[in-house]
Amino acid sequence: MYADCKADREEASVARRAAIDPGTLPFAHLNLRRNPFGEIDLSLWADLAVVDVDRFLPRLSQPGYAVQFMGKAGRGKTTHLMAILRHFPEAAYIHVGEGERPRIPHGRPLLIDEIQRVPPRRRRRVYRRPAALAVGTHEDLGRELVAAGFAVDTVEVGGRLDARRLVDIFHRRIEAARRGPGRLPRVTRATAEALIDRFGDDLRTIQWHVYDLFQDLPGIEDV
């Protein structure tokens, strides 16, 4: 019993030292609170989005309009939806996972990620709601949206990534993970160009690769 209490006290001591000594914290040597390229909260995702959705916002405030962001996985569909979400306090967002049959929430507008996974009959019920839609999809649903009475814009996401935009995406995420004042690691434009040459427009895979680079980074330096 004494040994157990002693172990508990030592564990608590380690935790206290970690709370006050930056040198014991992961990524403190990079002046970061975490790996910038790990999973992030949806609200932070919206703040870090580097996309232009302003032209859709006026019409999304009224029923009868739908915008679909269409493309392969990892190309930015969710990022576009998150950028829209931040502008509408009454909006609702849902991501539909493979094989899931979730309850679709009500929102104005309603944002559905991977809507092609919702069975057609359920989609038709959603279309009857008095709200605008913004959806991410692998399939072109324009015809059925028009048949349901929507005015539709289709945006194909992906295509050739621009290295300058990619560096901007990287540095926003790094800055959001900042621990304190001072220097931060940076991703160079040359690295961004090399990643685009290797992975094309697959932004998700690019960010996973940079995640691994930051896991092994020994100190604050250019990547």
Protein backbone atom coordinates (compact mmCIF):
# COMPACT_ATOMS: atom_id res chain seq x y z
CA MET A 1 0.00 0.00 0.00
CA TYR A 2 2.88 2.38 0.87
CA ALA A 3 4.47 1.62 -2.50
CA ASP A 4 1.19 2.40 -4.27
CA CYS A 5 0.87 5.75 -2.44
CA LYS A 6 4.49 6.59 -3.23
CA ALA A 7 3.93 5.82 -6.91
CA ASP A 8 0.82 7.99 -6.92
CA ARG A 9 2.77 10.88 -5.34
CA GLU A 10 5.60 10.54 -7.87
CA GLU A 11 3.13 10.49 -10.75
CA ALA A 12 1.43 13.61 -9.40
CA SER A 13 4.84 15.29 -9.01
CA VAL A 14 5.68 14.58 -12.64
CA ALA A 15 2.34 16.04 -13.70
CA ARG A 16 2.95 19.21 -11.66
CA ARG A 17 6.42 19.66 -13.14
CA ALA A 18 5.01 19.23 -16.65
CA ALA A 19 2.46 21.93 -15.89
CA ILE A 20 5.10 24.49 -14.92
CA ASP A 21 8.20 23.47 -16.88
CA PRO A 22 7.85 24.10 -20.64
CA GLY A 23 10.84 21.87 -21.25
CA THR A 24 8.83 18.81 -20.22
CA LEU A 25 5.93 19.53 -22.59
CA PRO A 26 5.59 17.95 -26.03
CA PHE A 27 6.44 20.40 -28.83
CA ALA A 28 7.67 23.04 -26.35
CA HIS A 29 11.06 22.82 -28.13
CA LEU A 30 9.24 24.07 -31.25
CA ASN A 31 7.37 26.84 -29.37
CA LEU A 32 4.17 24.93 -30.12
CA ARG A 33 1.34 23.54 -27.96
CA ARG A 34 0.77 20.56 -30.24
CA ASN A 35 1.53 19.23 -33.69
CA PRO A 36 -0.12 21.82 -35.97
CA PHE A 37 -1.11 19.17 -38.48
CA GLY A 38 -3.02 16.83 -36.19
CA GLU A 39 -6.79 16.67 -35.84
CA ILE A 40 -8.35 20.02 -34.98
CA ASP A 41 -11.67 21.16 -33.56
CA LEU A 42 -14.31 22.08 -36.13
CA SER A 43 -14.53 25.66 -34.87
CA LEU A 44 -10.77 26.10 -35.29
CA TRP A 45 -10.99 24.47 -38.72
CA ALA A 46 -13.37 27.27 -39.74
CA ASP A 47 -10.93 29.92 -38.49
CA LEU A 48 -8.06 28.37 -40.46
CA ALA A 49 -9.91 27.85 -43.75
CA VAL A 50 -8.11 29.39 -46.73
CA VAL A 51 -10.99 29.40 -49.22
CA ASP A 52 -13.29 32.00 -50.76
CA VAL A 53 -16.98 31.39 -50.05
CA ASP A 54 -18.18 34.99 -49.81
CA ARG A 55 -20.11 34.87 -53.08
CA PHE A 56 -22.36 32.10 -51.76
CA LEU A 57 -23.28 33.70 -48.44
CA PRO A 58 -26.15 36.03 -49.49
CA ARG A 59 -28.05 33.23 -51.23
CA LEU A 60 -27.44 30.74 -48.41
CA SER A 61 -29.41 32.99 -46.09
CA GLN A 62 -32.60 32.18 -48.04
CA PRO A 63 -34.40 28.88 -48.80
CA GLY A 64 -34.39 27.49 -52.32
CA TYR A 65 -30.65 27.66 -52.94
CA ALA A 66 -28.00 24.92 -52.83
CA VAL A 67 -24.27 24.89 -53.41
CA GLN A 68 -22.47 21.59 -53.81
CA PHE A 69 -18.72 21.22 -53.36
CA MET A 70 -17.75 18.22 -55.40
CA GLY A 71 -14.48 16.33 -55.43
CA LYS A 72 -12.40 13.43 -54.16
CA ALA A 73 -11.52 12.90 -50.51
CA GLY A 74 -8.93 15.29 -49.13
CA ARG A 75 -9.46 18.03 -51.69
CA GLY A 76 -11.18 20.63 -49.48
CA LYS A 77 -14.91 19.95 -49.42
CA THR A 78 -15.08 20.02 -45.62
CA THR A 79 -12.92 23.15 -45.47
CA HIS A 80 -15.39 25.00 -47.71
CA LEU A 81 -18.30 23.91 -45.52
CA MET A 82 -16.48 24.99 -42.36
CA ALA A 83 -15.78 28.39 -43.90
CA ILE A 84 -19.52 28.79 -44.55
CA LEU A 85 -20.54 27.52 -41.12
CA ARG A 86 -18.79 30.35 -39.26
CA HIS A 87 -21.04 32.95 -40.96
CA PHE A 88 -24.39 31.51 -39.85
CA PRO A 89 -25.21 31.13 -36.14
CA GLU A 90 -28.37 29.12 -36.96
CA ALA A 91 -26.58 26.74 -39.34
CA ALA A 92 -26.19 23.03 -38.66
CA TYR A 93 -23.37 20.80 -39.92
CA ILE A 94 -23.17 17.02 -40.10
CA HIS A 95 -20.60 14.65 -41.57
CA VAL A 96 -22.05 11.36 -42.80
CA GLY A 97 -19.61 8.52 -42.29
CA GLU A 98 -19.43 5.40 -44.42
CA GLY A 99 -22.33 3.09 -43.53
CA GLU A 100 -23.85 5.56 -41.06
CA ARG A 101 -27.51 6.53 -40.98
CA PRO A 102 -27.45 9.58 -38.72
CA ARG A 103 -30.35 11.83 -37.87
CA ILE A 104 -30.06 14.90 -40.09
CA PRO A 105 -30.27 18.07 -37.98
CA HIS A 106 -32.21 21.23 -38.80
CA GLY A 107 -30.28 24.37 -39.65
CA ARG A 108 -30.42 27.54 -41.69
CA PRO A 109 -28.54 26.79 -43.82
CA LEU A 110 -28.04 23.05 -43.50
CA LEU A 111 -24.54 21.75 -44.26
CA ILE A 112 -24.15 18.05 -45.08
CA ASP A 113 -20.69 16.58 -45.67
CA GLU A 114 -20.60 13.43 -47.84
CA ILE A 115 -24.28 13.76 -48.68
CA GLN A 116 -23.95 11.07 -51.35
CA ARG A 117 -23.92 8.56 -48.46
CA VAL A 118 -27.45 9.57 -47.47
CA PRO A 119 -29.96 7.26 -49.21
CA PRO A 120 -31.90 9.00 -52.02
CA ARG A 121 -35.25 8.73 -50.22
CA ARG A 122 -33.85 10.47 -47.13
CA ARG A 123 -32.19 13.11 -49.29
CA ARG A 124 -35.56 13.91 -50.87
CA ARG A 125 -37.07 14.43 -47.41
CA VAL A 126 -34.22 16.80 -46.55
CA TYR A 127 -34.82 18.74 -49.77
CA ARG A 128 -38.38 19.52 -48.67
CA ARG A 129 -37.17 21.51 -45.67
CA PRO A 130 -37.43 25.33 -45.91
CA ALA A 131 -33.69 25.95 -45.77
CA ALA A 132 -30.74 26.53 -48.08
CA LEU A 133 -28.19 23.73 -48.47
CA ALA A 134 -24.42 23.53 -48.70
CA VAL A 135 -23.15 20.01 -49.32
CA GLY A 136 -19.93 18.13 -49.90
CA THR A 137 -20.23 15.24 -52.31
CA HIS A 138 -18.26 12.83 -54.47
CA GLU A 139 -21.19 12.67 -56.92
CA ASP A 140 -22.89 15.39 -58.93
CA LEU A 141 -26.34 15.78 -57.36
CA GLY A 142 -27.20 18.88 -59.34
CA ARG A 143 -29.98 17.26 -61.33
CA GLU A 144 -31.87 15.98 -58.31
CA LEU A 145 -31.41 19.28 -56.48
CA VAL A 146 -32.85 21.19 -59.43
CA ALA A 147 -35.73 18.71 -59.62
CA ALA A 148 -36.40 19.44 -55.94
CA GLY A 149 -36.73 23.14 -56.74
CA PHE A 150 -33.27 24.47 -55.84
CA ALA A 151 -31.19 26.98 -57.71
CA VAL A 152 -27.83 25.22 -57.72
CA ASP A 153 -24.17 26.20 -57.90
CA THR A 154 -21.59 23.46 -58.35
CA VAL A 155 -17.97 23.99 -57.30
CA GLU A 156 -15.39 21.36 -58.23
CA VAL A 157 -12.75 21.40 -55.50
CA GLY A 158 -9.22 20.20 -56.02
CA GLY A 159 -7.18 20.69 -59.14
CA ARG A 160 -3.64 22.05 -59.21
CA LEU A 161 -2.61 23.42 -55.81
CA ASP A 162 -0.77 26.72 -55.72
CA ALA A 163 2.43 26.60 -53.63
CA ARG A 164 1.83 30.07 -52.21
CA ARG A 165 -1.65 29.09 -51.02
CA LEU A 166 -0.28 25.85 -49.56
CA VAL A 167 2.36 27.76 -47.57
CA ASP A 168 -0.40 30.06 -46.29
CA ILE A 169 -2.39 27.01 -45.13
CA PHE A 170 0.67 25.59 -43.39
CA HIS A 171 1.58 28.80 -41.60
CA ARG A 172 -1.96 29.48 -40.38
CA ARG A 173 -1.99 26.08 -38.73
CA ILE A 174 1.46 26.56 -37.25
CA GLU A 175 0.52 29.98 -35.88
CA ALA A 176 -2.69 28.56 -34.35
CA ALA A 177 -0.53 26.09 -32.37
CA ARG A 178 1.87 28.75 -31.10
CA ARG A 179 2.91 28.37 -27.43
CA GLY A 180 4.43 31.81 -26.82
CA PRO A 181 6.25 34.74 -28.40
CA GLY A 182 9.28 34.07 -30.55
CA ARG A 183 10.24 32.05 -33.59
CA LEU A 184 8.28 29.13 -35.02
CA PRO A 185 9.15 26.40 -37.49
CA ARG A 186 8.25 27.29 -41.05
CA VAL A 187 7.51 25.31 -44.19
CA THR A 188 9.36 26.73 -47.16
CA ARG A 189 7.90 27.34 -50.57
CA ALA A 190 10.39 24.85 -52.03
CA THR A 191 9.01 22.16 -49.69
CA ALA A 192 5.45 23.09 -50.66
CA GLU A 193 6.33 22.75 -54.35
CA ALA A 194 7.97 19.37 -53.72
CA LEU A 195 4.88 18.14 -51.84
CA ILE A 196 2.61 19.24 -54.68
CA ASP A 197 4.85 17.43 -57.18
CA ARG A 198 4.65 14.28 -55.05
CA PHE A 199 1.01 14.26 -53.91
CA GLY A 200 -0.78 16.49 -56.43
CA ASP A 201 -3.93 18.16 -55.07
CA ASP A 202 -4.44 15.69 -52.20
CA LEU A 203 -4.24 18.25 -49.41
CA ARG A 204 -5.16 15.73 -46.72
CA THR A 205 -2.26 13.43 -47.57
CA ILE A 206 0.08 16.41 -47.80
CA GLN A 207 -0.88 17.49 -44.28
CA TRP A 208 -0.41 13.94 -42.95
CA HIS A 209 3.10 13.97 -44.43
CA VAL A 210 3.93 17.33 -42.81
CA TYR A 211 2.50 15.98 -39.53
CA ASP A 212 5.18 13.27 -39.60
CA LEU A 213 7.88 15.85 -40.37
CA PHE A 214 6.87 17.92 -37.34
CA GLN A 215 6.77 14.83 -35.11
CA ASP A 216 10.48 14.33 -35.74
CA LEU A 217 11.61 17.97 -35.90
CA PRO A 218 14.50 18.43 -33.42
CA GLY A 219 14.16 22.19 -33.06
CA ILE A 220 12.88 25.42 -34.59
CA GLU A 221 14.01 25.37 -38.20
CA ASP A 222 12.70 25.52 -41.74
CA VAL A 223 11.15 22.35 -43.07
